[in-house]
C-alpha atoms as a PDB file:
ATOM      1  CA  MET A   1     102.860 118.734 101.562  1.00  0.00           C
ATOM      2  CA  ILE A   2     102.837 118.436  97.766  1.00  0.00           C
ATOM      3  CA  ASP A   3     101.104 115.089  97.360  1.00  0.00           C
ATOM      4  CA  LEU A   4     102.032 113.375  94.123  1.00  0.00           C
ATOM      5  CA  ARG A   5     101.370 109.835  95.371  1.00  0.00           C
ATOM      6  CA  SER A   6      98.085 109.424  93.423  1.00  0.00           C
ATOM      7  CA  ASP A   7      95.261 111.405  91.754  1.00  0.00           C
ATOM      8  CA  THR A   8      93.017 109.661  94.258  1.00  0.00           C
ATOM      9  CA  VAL A   9      94.029 112.254  96.915  1.00  0.00           C
ATOM     10  CA  THR A  10      92.049 115.085  95.196  1.00  0.00           C
ATOM     11  CA  LEU A  11      89.681 117.252  97.221  1.00  0.00           C
ATOM     12  CA  PRO A  12      86.373 118.583  95.915  1.00  0.00           C
ATOM     13  CA  SER A  13      86.458 122.075  94.411  1.00  0.00           C
ATOM     14  CA  GLU A  14      84.253 124.849  95.676  1.00  0.00           C
ATOM     15  CA  GLY A  15      81.739 124.357  92.824  1.00  0.00           C
ATOM     16  CA  MET A  16      81.665 120.627  93.438  1.00  0.00           C
ATOM     17  CA  ARG A  17      81.067 121.079  97.209  1.00  0.00           C
ATOM     18  CA  GLU A  18      78.139 123.453  96.437  1.00  0.00           C
ATOM     19  CA  ALA A  19      76.636 120.932  93.892  1.00  0.00           C
ATOM     20  CA  MET A  20      76.888 118.164  96.483  1.00  0.00           C
ATOM     21  CA  PHE A  21      75.415 120.265  99.256  1.00  0.00           C
ATOM     22  CA  ASN A  22      72.385 121.262  97.023  1.00  0.00           C
ATOM     23  CA  ALA A  23      71.838 117.881  95.375  1.00  0.00           C
ATOM     24  CA  PRO A  24      68.231 116.605  95.361  1.00  0.00           C
ATOM     25  CA  LEU A  25      68.035 113.193  97.019  1.00  0.00           C
ATOM     26  CA  GLY A  26      66.008 109.973  96.975  1.00  0.00           C
ATOM     27  CA  ASP A  27      66.299 106.280  97.592  1.00  0.00           C
ATOM     28  CA  ASP A  28      68.571 104.831  94.913  1.00  0.00           C
ATOM     29  CA  VAL A  29      67.767 101.196  95.739  1.00  0.00           C
ATOM     30  CA  PHE A  30      64.315 102.112  94.486  1.00  0.00           C
ATOM     31  CA  SER A  31      65.952 103.986  91.624  1.00  0.00           C
ATOM     32  CA  GLU A  32      64.450 107.211  93.004  1.00  0.00           C
ATOM     33  CA  ASP A  33      67.529 109.351  93.679  1.00  0.00           C
ATOM     34  CA  PRO A  34      67.233 112.138  90.984  1.00  0.00           C
ATOM     35  CA  THR A  35      70.902 113.060  91.177  1.00  0.00           C
ATOM     36  CA  ILE A  36      72.120 109.522  90.615  1.00  0.00           C
ATOM     37  CA  ASN A  37      69.685 109.053  87.836  1.00  0.00           C
ATOM     38  CA  GLU A  38      70.943 112.233  86.203  1.00  0.00           C
ATOM     39  CA  LEU A  39      74.560 111.069  86.605  1.00  0.00           C
ATOM     40  CA  GLN A  40      73.752 107.662  85.148  1.00  0.00           C
ATOM     41  CA  ASN A  41      71.885 109.067  82.158  1.00  0.00           C
ATOM     42  CA  TYR A  42      74.621 111.654  81.542  1.00  0.00           C
ATOM     43  CA  ALA A  43      77.426 109.086  81.616  1.00  0.00           C
ATOM     44  CA  ALA A  44      75.494 106.592  79.415  1.00  0.00           C
ATOM     45  CA  ALA A  45      74.765 109.315  76.812  1.00  0.00           C
ATOM     46  CA  LEU A  46      78.327 110.509  76.867  1.00  0.00           C
ATOM     47  CA  PHE A  47      79.503 107.147  75.589  1.00  0.00           C
ATOM     48  CA  GLY A  48      76.487 106.408  73.411  1.00  0.00           C
ATOM     49  CA  LYS A  49      75.233 103.561  75.637  1.00  0.00           C
ATOM     50  CA  GLU A  50      71.707 102.823  76.931  1.00  0.00           C
ATOM     51  CA  ALA A  51      72.366 102.871  80.644  1.00  0.00           C
ATOM     52  CA  ALA A  52      74.808 103.261  83.531  1.00  0.00           C
ATOM     53  CA  LEU A  53      75.085 102.323  87.257  1.00  0.00           C
ATOM     54  CA  PHE A  54      76.639 104.430  89.974  1.00  0.00           C
ATOM     55  CA  CYS A  55      78.870 102.388  92.320  1.00  0.00           C
ATOM     56  CA  ALA A  56      81.218 103.117  95.220  1.00  0.00           C
ATOM     57  CA  SER A  57      84.451 102.505  93.439  1.00  0.00           C
ATOM     58  CA  GLY A  58      86.204 101.378  90.300  1.00  0.00           C
ATOM     59  CA  THR A  59      87.035  98.092  91.873  1.00  0.00           C
ATOM     60  CA  GLN A  60      83.336  97.608  92.401  1.00  0.00           C
ATOM     61  CA  THR A  61      82.376  98.523  88.834  1.00  0.00           C
ATOM     62  CA  ASN A  62      85.067  96.210  87.404  1.00  0.00           C
ATOM     63  CA  GLN A  63      84.090  93.373  89.686  1.00  0.00           C
ATOM     64  CA  ILE A  64      80.414  93.716  88.927  1.00  0.00           C
ATOM     65  CA  ALA A  65      81.098  93.740  85.182  1.00  0.00           C
ATOM     66  CA  ILE A  66      83.266  90.591  85.455  1.00  0.00           C
ATOM     67  CA  ALA A  67      80.507  88.854  87.442  1.00  0.00           C
ATOM     68  CA  VAL A  68      77.877  89.720  84.871  1.00  0.00           C
ATOM     69  CA  HIS A  69      79.988  88.660  81.880  1.00  0.00           C
ATOM     70  CA  VAL A  70      81.580  85.525  83.243  1.00  0.00           C
ATOM     71  CA  ARG A  71      80.047  82.253  84.537  1.00  0.00           C
ATOM     72  CA  PRO A  72      81.908  80.517  87.452  1.00  0.00           C
ATOM     73  CA  GLY A  73      84.644  78.408  86.043  1.00  0.00           C
ATOM     74  CA  GLY A  74      85.166  80.680  83.062  1.00  0.00           C
ATOM     75  CA  GLU A  75      88.379  82.560  82.159  1.00  0.00           C
ATOM     76  CA  VAL A  76      89.205  86.297  81.796  1.00  0.00           C
ATOM     77  CA  ILE A  77      91.925  87.464  79.429  1.00  0.00           C
ATOM     78  CA  CYS A  78      93.811  90.517  80.627  1.00  0.00           C
ATOM     79  CA  HIS A  79      97.321  91.990  80.777  1.00  0.00           C
ATOM     80  CA  GLU A  80      99.541  90.626  83.540  1.00  0.00           C
ATOM     81  CA  GLU A  81      99.858  94.152  85.059  1.00  0.00           C
ATOM     82  CA  SER A  82      96.137  94.999  84.905  1.00  0.00           C
ATOM     83  CA  HIS A  83      94.385  96.517  87.840  1.00  0.00           C
ATOM     84  CA  ILE A  84      91.635  93.963  87.771  1.00  0.00           C
ATOM     85  CA  TYR A  85      94.162  91.226  88.535  1.00  0.00           C
ATOM     86  CA  LYS A  86      96.844  92.992  90.582  1.00  0.00           C
ATOM     87  CA  TYR A  87      94.895  95.416  92.728  1.00  0.00           C
ATOM     88  CA  GLU A  88      91.464  94.161  93.375  1.00  0.00           C
ATOM     89  CA  GLY A  89      92.099  91.677  96.146  1.00  0.00           C
ATOM     90  CA  GLY A  90      91.718  88.502  94.017  1.00  0.00           C
ATOM     91  CA  GLY A  91      88.154  89.554  93.303  1.00  0.00           C
ATOM     92  CA  ILE A  92      88.034  87.735  89.935  1.00  0.00           C
ATOM     93  CA  ALA A  93      88.381  84.386  91.777  1.00  0.00           C
ATOM     94  CA  ARG A  94      86.472  85.379  94.862  1.00  0.00           C
ATOM     95  CA  ASN A  95      83.537  87.262  93.365  1.00  0.00           C
ATOM     96  CA  ALA A  96      83.059  85.678  89.944  1.00  0.00           C
ATOM     97  CA  GLY A  97      84.625  82.223  90.537  1.00  0.00           C
ATOM     98  CA  ALA A  98      86.622  82.694  87.399  1.00  0.00           C
ATOM     99  CA  SER A  99      90.266  82.073  86.414  1.00  0.00           C
ATOM    100  CA  VAL A 100      92.585  84.517  84.644  1.00  0.00           C
ATOM    101  CA  ARG A 101      94.727  84.257  81.523  1.00  0.00           C
ATOM    102  CA  LEU A 102      97.548  86.782  82.031  1.00  0.00           C
ATOM    103  CA  LEU A 103      99.219  88.183  78.820  1.00  0.00           C
ATOM    104  CA  GLN A 104     102.262  90.235  78.272  1.00  0.00           C
ATOM    105  CA  GLY A 105     102.095  93.468  76.322  1.00  0.00           C
ATOM    106  CA  ASP A 106     103.653  96.881  75.833  1.00  0.00           C
ATOM    107  CA  ARG A 107     103.215  99.057  78.924  1.00  0.00           C
ATOM    108  CA  GLY A 108     100.007  97.368  80.017  1.00  0.00           C
ATOM    109  CA  ARG A 109      98.488  97.266  76.559  1.00  0.00           C
ATOM    110  CA  LEU A 110      97.585  94.151  74.620  1.00  0.00           C
ATOM    111  CA  LYS A 111      97.584  93.431  70.921  1.00  0.00           C
ATOM    112  CA  VAL A 112      94.981  91.271  69.149  1.00  0.00           C
ATOM    113  CA  ASP A 113      97.700  88.801  68.036  1.00  0.00           C
ATOM    114  CA  ALA A 114      98.546  88.086  71.706  1.00  0.00           C
ATOM    115  CA  ILE A 115      94.873  87.571  72.610  1.00  0.00           C
ATOM    116  CA  SER A 116      94.010  85.317  69.648  1.00  0.00           C
ATOM    117  CA  LYS A 117      96.598  82.745  70.739  1.00  0.00           C
ATOM    118  CA  TRP A 118      94.854  82.085  74.086  1.00  0.00           C
ATOM    119  CA  ILE A 119      91.247  81.396  73.233  1.00  0.00           C
ATOM    120  CA  ASN A 120      90.685  78.037  74.788  1.00  0.00           C
ATOM    121  CA  ASN A 121      89.100  75.214  72.702  1.00  0.00           C
ATOM    122  CA  PRO A 122      85.498  75.034  74.024  1.00  0.00           C
ATOM    123  CA  ASP A 123      85.387  71.271  73.116  1.00  0.00           C
ATOM    124  CA  ASP A 124      88.398  70.383  75.300  1.00  0.00           C
ATOM    125  CA  VAL A 125      87.139  69.795  78.827  1.00  0.00           C
ATOM    126  CA  HIS A 126      90.603  70.238  80.338  1.00  0.00           C
ATOM    127  CA  PHE A 127      90.427  74.041  79.875  1.00  0.00           C
ATOM    128  CA  PRO A 128      88.158  76.719  81.187  1.00  0.00           C
ATOM    129  CA  LEU A 129      85.902  78.476  78.719  1.00  0.00           C
ATOM    130  CA  THR A 130      87.245  81.787  77.619  1.00  0.00           C
ATOM    131  CA  GLN A 131      84.469  84.225  78.480  1.00  0.00           C
ATOM    132  CA  LEU A 132      85.845  87.851  78.578  1.00  0.00           C
ATOM    133  CA  VAL A 133      88.573  90.139  77.390  1.00  0.00           C
ATOM    134  CA  SER A 134      89.442  93.189  79.535  1.00  0.00           C
ATOM    135  CA  LEU A 135      91.536  96.140  78.591  1.00  0.00           C
ATOM    136  CA  GLU A 136      92.781  99.079  80.748  1.00  0.00           C
ATOM    137  CA  ASP A 137      93.027 102.605  79.267  1.00  0.00           C
ATOM    138  CA  THR A 138      95.104 104.465  80.440  1.00  0.00           C
ATOM    139  CA  ALA A 139      97.323 101.654  81.737  1.00  0.00           C
ATOM    140  CA  ASN A 140      98.365 102.501  85.352  1.00  0.00           C
ATOM    141  CA  ARG A 141     101.334 100.128  85.486  1.00  0.00           C
ATOM    142  CA  GLY A 142     102.324 101.297  82.025  1.00  0.00           C
ATOM    143  CA  GLY A 143     102.857 104.859  83.335  1.00  0.00           C
ATOM    144  CA  GLY A 144      99.545 106.187  82.107  1.00  0.00           C
ATOM    145  CA  ALA A 145     100.015 104.791  78.612  1.00  0.00           C
ATOM    146  CA  ILE A 146      97.207 105.315  76.107  1.00  0.00           C
ATOM    147  CA  TYR A 147      95.849 102.519  73.852  1.00  0.00           C
ATOM    148  CA  ASP A 148      96.128 102.774  70.159  1.00  0.00           C
ATOM    149  CA  PHE A 149      92.471 103.081  69.167  1.00  0.00           C
ATOM    150  CA  GLU A 150      92.993 101.174  65.962  1.00  0.00           C
ATOM    151  CA  GLU A 151      94.333  98.292  68.007  1.00  0.00           C
ATOM    152  CA  ILE A 152      91.250  98.453  70.209  1.00  0.00           C
ATOM    153  CA  ARG A 153      89.081  98.155  67.054  1.00  0.00           C
ATOM    154  CA  LYS A 154      90.998  95.131  65.926  1.00  0.00           C
ATOM    155  CA  ILE A 155      90.529  93.529  69.409  1.00  0.00           C
ATOM    156  CA  LYS A 156      86.793  94.266  69.262  1.00  0.00           C
ATOM    157  CA  ARG A 157      86.382  92.763  65.809  1.00  0.00           C
ATOM    158  CA  PHE A 158      88.199  89.630  67.003  1.00  0.00           C
ATOM    159  CA  CYS A 159      86.003  89.439  70.084  1.00  0.00           C
ATOM    160  CA  SER A 160      82.834  89.853  68.098  1.00  0.00           C
ATOM    161  CA  GLU A 161      83.935  87.059  65.741  1.00  0.00           C
ATOM    162  CA  ASN A 162      84.495  84.833  68.766  1.00  0.00           C
ATOM    163  CA  GLN A 163      81.340  85.865  70.709  1.00  0.00           C
ATOM    164  CA  LEU A 164      83.456  87.345  73.497  1.00  0.00           C
ATOM    165  CA  PRO A 165      82.407  90.523  75.417  1.00  0.00           C
ATOM    166  CA  LEU A 166      85.015  93.337  75.727  1.00  0.00           C
ATOM    167  CA  HIS A 167      85.257  95.103  78.989  1.00  0.00           C
ATOM    168  CA  LEU A 168      87.175  98.407  79.716  1.00  0.00           C
ATOM    169  CA  ASP A 169      88.702  99.304  82.958  1.00  0.00           C
ATOM    170  CA  GLY A 170      88.531 103.056  82.232  1.00  0.00           C
ATOM    171  CA  ALA A 171      89.744 104.302  85.610  1.00  0.00           C
ATOM    172  CA  ARG A 172      91.578 107.178  83.823  1.00  0.00           C
ATOM    173  CA  LEU A 173      89.801 106.965  80.513  1.00  0.00           C
ATOM    174  CA  MET A 174      89.051 110.694  80.280  1.00  0.00           C
ATOM    175  CA  ASN A 175      92.745 111.381  80.604  1.00  0.00           C
ATOM    176  CA  ALA A 176      93.178 109.339  77.335  1.00  0.00           C
ATOM    177  CA  LEU A 177      90.294 110.992  75.555  1.00  0.00           C
ATOM    178  CA  VAL A 178      91.363 114.556  76.205  1.00  0.00           C
ATOM    179  CA  GLU A 179      94.750 113.692  74.563  1.00  0.00           C
ATOM    180  CA  THR A 180      93.460 111.625  71.578  1.00  0.00           C
ATOM    181  CA  LYS A 181      90.342 113.759  71.107  1.00  0.00           C
ATOM    182  CA  ILE A 182      88.335 110.625  70.119  1.00  0.00           C
ATOM    183  CA  ASP A 183      84.591 111.211  70.557  1.00  0.00           C
ATOM    184  CA  PRO A 184      83.483 109.220  73.615  1.00  0.00           C
ATOM    185  CA  LYS A 185      80.609 107.781  71.672  1.00  0.00           C
ATOM    186  CA  VAL A 186      82.957 106.490  68.953  1.00  0.00           C
ATOM    187  CA  TYR A 187      85.222 105.031  71.573  1.00  0.00           C
ATOM    188  CA  GLY A 188      82.427 103.628  73.619  1.00  0.00           C
ATOM    189  CA  ALA A 189      80.956 101.717  70.645  1.00  0.00           C
ATOM    190  CA  GLU A 190      83.941  99.344  70.791  1.00  0.00           C
ATOM    191  CA  PHE A 191      83.151  98.020  74.278  1.00  0.00           C
ATOM    192  CA  ASP A 192      80.336  95.920  75.836  1.00  0.00           C
ATOM    193  CA  SER A 193      80.974  97.552  79.233  1.00  0.00           C
ATOM    194  CA  ILE A 194      82.987 100.526  80.552  1.00  0.00           C
ATOM    195  CA  SER A 195      84.087 101.251  84.101  1.00  0.00           C
ATOM    196  CA  LEU A 196      84.705 104.959  84.525  1.00  0.00           C
ATOM    197  CA  CYS A 197      86.248 106.274  87.698  1.00  0.00           C
ATOM    198  CA  LEU A 198      85.179 109.656  88.948  1.00  0.00           C
ATOM    199  CA  SER A 199      87.485 109.970  92.038  1.00  0.00           C
ATOM    200  CA  LYS A 200      90.853 110.152  90.307  1.00  0.00           C
ATOM    201  CA  GLY A 201      91.791 112.948  87.981  1.00  0.00           C
ATOM    202  CA  LEU A 202      88.207 114.035  87.626  1.00  0.00           C
ATOM    203  CA  GLY A 203      88.337 115.088  91.230  1.00  0.00           C
ATOM    204  CA  ALA A 204      85.158 113.639  92.753  1.00  0.00           C
ATOM    205  CA  PRO A 205      85.476 112.383  96.313  1.00  0.00           C
ATOM    206  CA  VAL A 206      83.750 108.953  95.734  1.00  0.00           C
ATOM    207  CA  GLY A 207      82.418 106.739  92.995  1.00  0.00           C
ATOM    208  CA  SER A 208      82.609 105.229  89.573  1.00  0.00           C
ATOM    209  CA  VAL A 209      79.961 104.440  86.897  1.00  0.00           C
ATOM    210  CA  LEU A 210      79.544 101.186  85.000  1.00  0.00           C
ATOM    211  CA  ILE A 211      78.257 101.807  81.533  1.00  0.00           C
ATOM    212  CA  GLY A 212      76.581  99.406  78.997  1.00  0.00           C
ATOM    213  CA  SER A 213      73.422  98.176  77.475  1.00  0.00           C
ATOM    214  CA  ALA A 214      70.071  98.336  79.359  1.00  0.00           C
ATOM    215  CA  ASP A 215      70.071  94.576  79.798  1.00  0.00           C
ATOM    216  CA  PHE A 216      73.639  94.543  81.044  1.00  0.00           C
ATOM    217  CA  ILE A 217      73.063  97.268  83.579  1.00  0.00           C
ATOM    218  CA  LYS A 218      69.804  95.517  84.756  1.00  0.00           C
ATOM    219  CA  ARG A 219      71.850  92.476  85.578  1.00  0.00           C
ATOM    220  CA  ALA A 220      74.610  94.652  87.086  1.00  0.00           C
ATOM    221  CA  ARG A 221      72.180  96.290  89.427  1.00  0.00           C
ATOM    222  CA  ARG A 222      71.308  92.842  90.966  1.00  0.00           C
ATOM    223  CA  VAL A 223      75.011  92.010  91.296  1.00  0.00           C
ATOM    224  CA  ARG A 224      75.713  95.353  92.940  1.00  0.00           C
ATOM    225  CA  LYS A 225      73.018  94.567  95.451  1.00  0.00           C
ATOM    226  CA  VAL A 226      74.459  91.123  96.216  1.00  0.00           C
ATOM    227  CA  PHE A 227      77.914  92.772  96.661  1.00  0.00           C
ATOM    228  CA  GLY A 228      76.377  95.049  99.238  1.00  0.00           C
ATOM    229  CA  GLY A 229      76.676  98.067  97.012  1.00  0.00           C
ATOM    230  CA  GLY A 230      73.062  99.253  97.176  1.00  0.00           C
ATOM    231  CA  MET A 231      73.121 102.838  98.461  1.00  0.00           C
ATOM    232  CA  ARG A 232      70.240 104.958  99.601  1.00  0.00           C
ATOM    233  CA  GLN A 233      70.416 108.813  99.404  1.00  0.00           C
ATOM    234  CA  ALA A 234      73.811 108.587  97.656  1.00  0.00           C
ATOM    235  CA  GLY A 235      73.017 111.501  95.274  1.00  0.00           C
ATOM    236  CA  ILE A 236      75.115 113.651  97.701  1.00  0.00           C
ATOM    237  CA  ILE A 237      78.188 111.932  96.528  1.00  0.00           C
ATOM    238  CA  ALA A 238      76.980 111.261  92.966  1.00  0.00           C
ATOM    239  CA  ALA A 239      76.628 115.072  92.497  1.00  0.00           C
ATOM    240  CA  GLY A 240      80.372 115.328  92.819  1.00  0.00           C
ATOM    241  CA  GLY A 241      80.819 112.908  89.997  1.00  0.00           C
ATOM    242  CA  LEU A 242      78.267 114.640  87.861  1.00  0.00           C
ATOM    243  CA  TYR A 243      79.947 117.950  88.417  1.00  0.00           C
ATOM    244  CA  ALA A 244      83.324 116.420  87.490  1.00  0.00           C
ATOM    245  CA  LEU A 245      81.970 115.088  84.152  1.00  0.00           C
ATOM    246  CA  LYS A 246      80.372 118.409  83.271  1.00  0.00           C
ATOM    247  CA  HIS A 247      83.172 120.786  84.413  1.00  0.00           C
ATOM    248  CA  GLN A 248      86.489 119.112  85.119  1.00  0.00           C
ATOM    249  CA  VAL A 249      87.382 117.059  82.067  1.00  0.00           C
ATOM    250  CA  GLU A 250      89.226 119.553  79.864  1.00  0.00           C
ATOM    251  CA  ARG A 251      91.401 120.613  82.727  1.00  0.00           C
ATOM    252  CA  LEU A 252      93.083 117.243  82.726  1.00  0.00           C
ATOM    253  CA  LYS A 253      95.310 118.709  80.092  1.00  0.00           C
ATOM    254  CA  ASP A 254      96.923 120.863  82.750  1.00  0.00           C
ATOM    255  CA  ASP A 255      97.854 117.647  84.777  1.00  0.00           C
ATOM    256  CA  HIS A 256      99.384 116.211  81.597  1.00  0.00           C
ATOM    257  CA  ALA A 257     101.462 119.365  81.045  1.00  0.00           C
ATOM    258  CA  HIS A 258     102.683 119.188  84.588  1.00  0.00           C
ATOM    259  CA  ALA A 259     103.644 115.549  84.140  1.00  0.00           C
ATOM    260  CA  ARG A 260     105.656 116.360  81.053  1.00  0.00           C
ATOM    261  CA  GLN A 261     107.376 119.114  83.005  1.00  0.00           C
ATOM    262  CA  LEU A 262     108.436 116.621  85.670  1.00  0.00           C
ATOM    263  CA  GLU A 263     109.519 114.135  82.882  1.00  0.00           C
ATOM    264  CA  ALA A 264     111.835 116.623  81.317  1.00  0.00           C
ATOM    265  CA  VAL A 265     113.585 117.429  84.588  1.00  0.00           C
ATOM    266  CA  LEU A 266     113.907 113.830  85.679  1.00  0.00           C
ATOM    267  CA  ASN A 267     115.375 112.781  82.342  1.00  0.00           C
ATOM    268  CA  GLU A 268     118.292 115.199  82.947  1.00  0.00           C
ATOM    269  CA  LEU A 269     119.202 113.783  86.415  1.00  0.00           C
ATOM    270  CA  PRO A 270     122.302 111.711  86.715  1.00  0.00           C
ATOM    271  CA  TRP A 271     120.704 109.107  88.896  1.00  0.00           C
ATOM    272  CA  VAL A 272     117.817 108.396  86.609  1.00  0.00           C
ATOM    273  CA  GLU A 273     118.127 105.537  84.137  1.00  0.00           C
ATOM    274  CA  GLU A 274     114.838 106.134  82.380  1.00  0.00           C
ATOM    275  CA  VAL A 275     111.460 107.812  82.571  1.00  0.00           C
ATOM    276  CA  MET A 276     108.590 106.040  80.981  1.00  0.00           C
ATOM    277  CA  PRO A 277     107.377 108.343  78.134  1.00  0.00           C
ATOM    278  CA  VAL A 278     104.707 110.434  79.626  1.00  0.00           C
ATOM    279  CA  GLN A 279     101.322 110.462  77.854  1.00  0.00           C
ATOM    280  CA  THR A 280      98.973 111.558  80.523  1.00  0.00           C
ATOM    281  CA  ASN A 281      99.321 112.334  84.267  1.00  0.00           C
ATOM    282  CA  ILE A 282     101.530 109.533  85.534  1.00  0.00           C
ATOM    283  CA  VAL A 283     105.335 109.835  85.703  1.00  0.00           C
ATOM    284  CA  VAL A 284     107.193 106.539  86.377  1.00  0.00           C
ATOM    285  CA  THR A 285     110.952 106.866  87.017  1.00  0.00           C
ATOM    286  CA  ILE A 286     113.399 103.953  86.784  1.00  0.00           C
ATOM    287  CA  LEU A 287     116.610 104.548  88.779  1.00  0.00           C
ATOM    288  CA  LYS A 288     120.206 103.613  87.821  1.00  0.00           C
ATOM    289  CA  ASP A 289     120.711 102.233  91.314  1.00  0.00           C
ATOM    290  CA  ALA A 290     117.606 100.422  92.481  1.00  0.00           C
ATOM    291  CA  SER A 291     118.730 100.368  96.093  1.00  0.00           C
ATOM    292  CA  LYS A 292     118.426 104.153  96.252  1.00  0.00           C
ATOM    293  CA  ARG A 293     114.632 104.267  95.773  1.00  0.00           C
ATOM    294  CA  ASP A 294     113.580 104.521  99.415  1.00  0.00           C
ATOM    295  CA  GLU A 295     116.295 107.068 100.130  1.00  0.00           C
ATOM    296  CA  ILE A 296     114.984 109.310  97.354  1.00  0.00           C
ATOM    297  CA  ILE A 297     111.416 108.915  98.510  1.00  0.00           C
ATOM    298  CA  ALA A 298     112.538 109.806 102.056  1.00  0.00           C
ATOM    299  CA  LYS A 299     114.539 112.869 101.038  1.00  0.00           C
ATOM    300  CA  LEU A 300     111.665 114.201  98.942  1.00  0.00           C
ATOM    301  CA  SER A 301     109.332 113.712 101.910  1.00  0.00           C
ATOM    302  CA  GLU A 302     111.658 115.782 104.032  1.00  0.00           C
ATOM    303  CA  SER A 303     111.302 118.547 101.433  1.00  0.00           C
ATOM    304  CA  GLY A 304     107.538 118.345 101.668  1.00  0.00           C
ATOM    305  CA  ILE A 305     106.987 116.147  98.558  1.00  0.00           C
ATOM    306  CA  ARG A 306     105.108 112.828  98.754  1.00  0.00           C
ATOM    307  CA  ILE A 307     105.576 110.212  96.089  1.00  0.00           C
ATOM    308  CA  MET A 308     105.239 106.430  96.132  1.00  0.00           C
ATOM    309  CA  PRO A 309     107.345 103.383  95.249  1.00  0.00           C
ATOM    310  CA  PHE A 310     106.233 101.606  92.094  1.00  0.00           C
ATOM    311  CA  GLY A 311     108.291  98.397  92.128  1.00  0.00           C
ATOM    312  CA  GLU A 312     111.976  97.609  92.486  1.00  0.00           C
ATOM    313  CA  GLY A 313     114.102 100.629  91.638  1.00  0.00           C
ATOM    314  CA  MET A 314     111.062 102.686  90.470  1.00  0.00           C
ATOM    315  CA  PHE A 315     108.898 105.419  91.906  1.00  0.00           C
ATOM    316  CA  ARG A 316     105.722 107.185  90.658  1.00  0.00           C
ATOM    317  CA  MET A 317     104.460 110.720  90.606  1.00  0.00           C
ATOM    318  CA  VAL A 318     100.917 111.545  89.669  1.00  0.00           C
ATOM    319  CA  THR A 319      99.719 114.998  88.799  1.00  0.00           C
ATOM    320  CA  HIS A 320      96.095 116.259  89.645  1.00  0.00           C
ATOM    321  CA  LEU A 321      93.928 119.234  90.208  1.00  0.00           C
ATOM    322  CA  ASN A 322      95.274 119.867  93.688  1.00  0.00           C
ATOM    323  CA  VAL A 323      98.837 120.369  92.510  1.00  0.00           C
ATOM    324  CA  SER A 324      99.425 123.798  91.010  1.00  0.00           C
ATOM    325  CA  THR A 325     101.950 124.987  88.386  1.00  0.00           C
ATOM    326  CA  ALA A 326     103.935 126.792  91.086  1.00  0.00           C
ATOM    327  CA  GLN A 327     104.063 123.585  93.175  1.00  0.00           C
ATOM    328  CA  ILE A 328     105.359 121.601  90.128  1.00  0.00           C
ATOM    329  CA  ASP A 329     108.055 124.284  89.678  1.00  0.00           C
ATOM    330  CA  GLU A 330     108.985 123.735  93.367  1.00  0.00           C
ATOM    331  CA  VAL A 331     109.184 119.973  92.857  1.00  0.00           C
ATOM    332  CA  CYS A 332     111.389 120.451  89.796  1.00  0.00           C
ATOM    333  CA  GLU A 333     113.833 122.646  91.790  1.00  0.00           C
ATOM    334  CA  VAL A 334     113.986 120.163  94.626  1.00  0.00           C
ATOM    335  CA  LEU A 335     114.728 117.324  92.217  1.00  0.00           C
ATOM    336  CA  LYS A 336     117.527 119.302  90.529  1.00  0.00           C
ATOM    337  CA  LYS A 337     119.229 119.831  93.890  1.00  0.00           C
ATOM    338  CA  LEU A 338     118.710 116.337  95.197  1.00  0.00           C
ATOM    339  CA  HIS A 339     122.009 114.581  95.919  1.00  0.00           C
ATOM    340  CA  VAL A 340     121.743 110.757  95.812  1.00  0.00           C
END
């Protein structure tokens, strides 16, 4: 099967497996796992921050960050399609005891003008206190759309003026940075905390890192423990993430080229209404006849190609390191011959 459902299906490369097998280990709850410590130091330095914390998943890093930034009863501002709201099991309410202000924006991206309208009056007891703004780059539901960095800077200035922390769900952040070529340190300076996933396009089997100031990460480590996220000799999996950051970032460009190849073919098909403009490794297709979605997915599966539904009349393809150029060529030929 050619699996284009998600970049979470990647398998460790030979070099990554070797690094994991040979990783020196210790007890991370005591901060004594040398491989985890190296990963955390590397990730923090990469983004110009003081510290980082290795966690089991991007959901965990996001939820820990929210729990550190927000007091129970506070409010988080985010896009209505953001992962922290739609795909983290109601964790904002359950884990942080916070409410959410959902905003609309272009392909999962917010503008400062939209945010500024929804800062609650702290003197009005009817409303929760606005305590956090969260962005997502790239935006999954926006088809892997990349944030305009100048807009991020505007949002950061506004947040600073209003004493609001700014969090980034950077599940696919490295996909954005290899395209924009923005220095991670320059980018990182705009955020108070960053969640960086290692198990998507970067290809590690498990894990994410939460990045921020030394004080923020100290508090985050306590929350991780409360969430049951304290791991022992977890350097064996952290080694995969460290290898990914050191060796598998630039190759993300290959995934983006493959995604653009799929985009070009899909845009020529008579049953396709629109393809969200491809910027990274996610290809979202909108059908002319929404009722045909499941039929198309089934026919592609019969041809050995796995994709996933992405809402009414839409499906998604995600390119990654375990899908070769030859396989993308094969998918394109199947699509051209597909009768719907």
